[in-house]
């Protein structure tokens, strides 16, 4: 299986955003995936996470 990069993925700015786009394409219609970059509860060194929203 080849891992092809589509045109829309080429314009995503981070690898995590590209993964979020791939995940969103395989989820059922109405589901959304977003990358959350904000630190939680004042944490300075927090890492970005994926958030999945159900319809």
N, C-alpha and C. Protein backbone atom coordinates (compact mmCIF):
# COMPACT_ATOMS: atom_id res chain seq x y z
N UNK A 1 0.85 -1.18 0.00
CA UNK A 1 0.00 0.00 0.00
C UNK A 1 0.89 1.24 0.00
N UNK A 2 0.62 2.15 -0.89
CA UNK A 2 1.42 3.38 -0.97
C UNK A 2 0.73 4.49 -0.19
N UNK A 3 1.53 5.33 0.40
CA UNK A 3 1.01 6.46 1.17
C UNK A 3 1.14 7.71 0.29
N UNK A 4 0.10 8.00 -0.47
CA UNK A 4 0.13 9.14 -1.39
C UNK A 4 -0.29 10.41 -0.67
N UNK A 5 0.31 11.52 -1.04
CA UNK A 5 -0.05 12.83 -0.49
C UNK A 5 -0.95 13.52 -1.49
N UNK A 6 -2.17 13.85 -1.06
CA UNK A 6 -3.10 14.54 -1.95
C UNK A 6 -2.78 16.03 -1.97
N UNK A 7 -3.41 16.74 -2.91
CA UNK A 7 -3.16 18.18 -3.05
C UNK A 7 -3.55 18.93 -1.79
N UNK A 8 -4.68 18.56 -1.15
CA UNK A 8 -5.10 19.27 0.06
C UNK A 8 -4.13 19.02 1.21
N UNK A 9 -3.53 17.81 1.26
CA UNK A 9 -2.56 17.52 2.31
C UNK A 9 -1.26 18.28 2.11
N UNK A 10 -0.93 18.56 0.87
CA UNK A 10 0.31 19.27 0.58
C UNK A 10 0.29 20.67 1.16
N UNK A 11 -0.89 21.25 1.35
CA UNK A 11 -1.01 22.60 1.88
C UNK A 11 -1.19 22.61 3.40
N UNK A 12 -1.37 21.43 4.05
CA UNK A 12 -1.45 21.38 5.50
C UNK A 12 -0.08 21.72 6.07
N UNK A 13 -0.08 22.44 7.18
CA UNK A 13 1.20 22.94 7.65
C UNK A 13 1.97 21.99 8.55
N UNK A 14 1.31 21.02 9.18
CA UNK A 14 2.03 20.11 10.07
C UNK A 14 1.66 18.67 9.78
N UNK A 15 2.52 17.73 10.15
CA UNK A 15 2.19 16.32 9.97
C UNK A 15 0.92 15.92 10.73
N UNK A 16 0.71 16.49 11.92
CA UNK A 16 -0.48 16.17 12.69
C UNK A 16 -1.75 16.63 11.98
N UNK A 17 -1.70 17.77 11.30
CA UNK A 17 -2.86 18.24 10.54
C UNK A 17 -3.13 17.33 9.34
N UNK A 18 -2.08 16.80 8.73
CA UNK A 18 -2.27 15.86 7.62
C UNK A 18 -2.92 14.57 8.11
N UNK A 19 -2.50 14.09 9.29
CA UNK A 19 -3.09 12.89 9.86
C UNK A 19 -4.55 13.15 10.22
N UNK A 20 -4.85 14.32 10.74
CA UNK A 20 -6.23 14.67 11.07
C UNK A 20 -7.10 14.64 9.82
N UNK A 21 -6.59 15.13 8.71
CA UNK A 21 -7.33 15.11 7.45
C UNK A 21 -7.58 13.69 6.96
N UNK A 22 -6.57 12.83 7.08
CA UNK A 22 -6.73 11.43 6.68
C UNK A 22 -7.76 10.74 7.55
N UNK A 23 -7.70 10.97 8.86
CA UNK A 23 -8.65 10.36 9.78
C UNK A 23 -10.08 10.83 9.48
N UNK A 24 -10.24 12.11 9.23
CA UNK A 24 -11.57 12.66 8.95
C UNK A 24 -12.18 12.04 7.69
N UNK A 25 -11.35 11.73 6.70
CA UNK A 25 -11.86 11.14 5.46
C UNK A 25 -12.38 9.71 5.65
N UNK A 26 -11.88 8.97 6.64
CA UNK A 26 -12.33 7.60 6.83
C UNK A 26 -13.44 7.47 7.88
N UNK A 27 -13.71 8.53 8.61
CA UNK A 27 -14.79 8.50 9.59
C UNK A 27 -16.14 8.66 8.90
N UNK A 28 -17.23 8.24 9.56
CA UNK A 28 -18.57 8.40 8.97
C UNK A 28 -18.88 9.88 8.71
N UNK A 29 -19.81 10.14 7.77
CA UNK A 29 -20.20 11.53 7.47
C UNK A 29 -20.67 12.27 8.72
N UNK A 30 -20.27 13.52 8.82
CA UNK A 30 -20.67 14.36 9.94
C UNK A 30 -19.63 14.44 11.06
N UNK A 31 -18.72 13.50 11.11
CA UNK A 31 -17.67 13.52 12.12
C UNK A 31 -16.61 14.52 11.69
N UNK A 32 -16.03 15.25 12.66
CA UNK A 32 -14.97 16.22 12.37
C UNK A 32 -13.76 15.92 13.24
N UNK A 33 -12.58 16.22 12.71
CA UNK A 33 -11.33 16.05 13.45
C UNK A 33 -10.61 17.38 13.43
N UNK A 34 -10.12 17.82 14.60
CA UNK A 34 -9.37 19.07 14.66
C UNK A 34 -8.11 18.88 15.48
N UNK A 35 -7.13 19.71 15.22
CA UNK A 35 -5.88 19.72 15.99
C UNK A 35 -5.99 20.85 17.01
N UNK A 36 -5.80 20.51 18.28
CA UNK A 36 -5.88 21.50 19.35
C UNK A 36 -4.47 21.78 19.84
N UNK A 37 -4.04 23.03 19.71
CA UNK A 37 -2.68 23.42 20.08
C UNK A 37 -2.59 24.14 21.41
N UNK A 38 -3.70 24.46 22.02
CA UNK A 38 -3.67 25.24 23.25
C UNK A 38 -3.24 24.40 24.44
N UNK A 39 -2.38 24.93 25.29
CA UNK A 39 -1.99 24.21 26.51
C UNK A 39 -3.19 24.08 27.45
N UNK A 40 -3.29 22.94 28.10
CA UNK A 40 -4.40 22.70 29.02
C UNK A 40 -4.04 23.16 30.43
N UNK A 41 -4.91 23.94 31.03
CA UNK A 41 -4.79 24.37 32.44
C UNK A 41 -3.43 24.95 32.80
N UNK A 42 -2.92 25.81 31.96
CA UNK A 42 -1.69 26.52 32.26
C UNK A 42 -0.41 25.75 32.03
N UNK A 43 -0.50 24.57 31.44
CA UNK A 43 0.71 23.81 31.15
C UNK A 43 1.50 24.53 30.06
N UNK A 44 2.78 24.72 30.30
CA UNK A 44 3.62 25.44 29.35
C UNK A 44 4.08 24.54 28.21
N UNK A 45 4.43 23.30 28.50
CA UNK A 45 4.99 22.41 27.51
C UNK A 45 3.97 21.40 26.97
N UNK A 46 2.72 21.80 26.85
CA UNK A 46 1.68 20.88 26.36
C UNK A 46 1.89 20.57 24.89
N UNK A 47 1.53 19.36 24.48
CA UNK A 47 1.65 18.92 23.10
C UNK A 47 0.29 19.04 22.41
N UNK A 48 0.27 19.31 21.09
CA UNK A 48 -1.00 19.34 20.38
C UNK A 48 -1.65 17.96 20.36
N UNK A 49 -2.98 17.94 20.35
CA UNK A 49 -3.73 16.68 20.34
C UNK A 49 -4.79 16.74 19.26
N UNK A 50 -5.29 15.55 18.87
CA UNK A 50 -6.41 15.48 17.94
C UNK A 50 -7.70 15.39 18.74
N UNK A 51 -8.70 16.13 18.31
CA UNK A 51 -10.02 16.09 18.95
C UNK A 51 -11.02 15.64 17.89
N UNK A 52 -11.80 14.62 18.20
CA UNK A 52 -12.81 14.09 17.28
C UNK A 52 -14.18 14.51 17.79
N UNK A 53 -14.97 15.13 16.89
CA UNK A 53 -16.32 15.60 17.22
C UNK A 53 -17.34 14.70 16.52
N UNK A 54 -18.21 14.10 17.32
CA UNK A 54 -19.28 13.28 16.76
C UNK A 54 -20.43 14.19 16.31
N UNK A 55 -21.21 13.75 15.32
CA UNK A 55 -22.35 14.58 14.87
C UNK A 55 -23.45 14.65 15.91
